[in-house]
Amino acid sequence: MSLLRVLPRMFSKHWIIATALVIAGAAVCVRLGIWQLDRLDQRRAFNAQVVSMRALPPLDISAGAPADIVSMEYRAVVVTGVYDYDNQVSIRNQYYNEMYGFNLLTPLRLADGTAVLVDRGWIPADGYATPRDWAFYDGPQQVRVEGVIRLGRAAATFGGVTDPTLEPGQTRLDTWTFVNLERLALQLPYAILPVYIQQTAQSDSGQPIPHPEEIDLTEGPHFGYALQWFTFATILVVGYPFYLRKQEERP
């Protein structure tokens, strides 16, 4: 039986369900392949952003930030200001050398009256879980900070995990899951920049330990995954008629 004679049988009453499953499976595989190509484009755009920002000289925002600062993520920055330790918070689920702890996020008051949040680095959870404990890591108030510009986020990329909500009568959260700049701004008595600074240089051995994110600038496995999904789709579309012909030729 030729393949041309098999094609009408694909949509016969006996094979229509199997044919529909094959078509649906191939469509899903194609869609997953396109999704991986979209991820590849996003990865390339991210890499280009990081490389272009790293090529620029450090930006001094001591007197205020440019209007387009949200487009400068990963650019080096320097800033001089005054730390407000009374309004600092911590970011949970942080690890340094496989030890669990927090990152301290401290407002830095600028000359124009606004502030920028600074991720000063890691502290251990054991013995330093409350705002009163964090005072151990308070340093000079007038400081010069070196770091990189980072954007905040309100939830996990996958899974939808968000920061906890305020309990009745509670006016602020001391420990956060993410650097949620919009919500953090609501509990501060002054305006903050729409970005935060991830400190890269430790100013004193007794201070929190900066541990900037290690960024992978490769293209990742997305192109290979896309080829796999397109291959699976091809196998389904091309292989199914041959399978059907074999079944029809059986005595």
Foldseek 3Di string as FASTA:
>chain_A
DDLVVLVVVCCDPVNNVVSVVLVVLLVVLLVLLVVLVVLLVVLLVVLVLQVVQCVDDAAEQQAHDDPVVVSNFNHKYKYWFFWDLVLKAWAADDDDPNAGFTFIWIWGAGPVGATAIERQATDHCVQQVDSVSCVQQDDGGTDMFIFGKAAWDAADPPDGDGWDDADVPGLDDRYTNIPPPVVSQSNDPHHYDRIHGQGDDNPDPSHHDGDDDDDDSDSPCSNVSSVVSNVVSCCSVVVVSVVSVVVVPDD
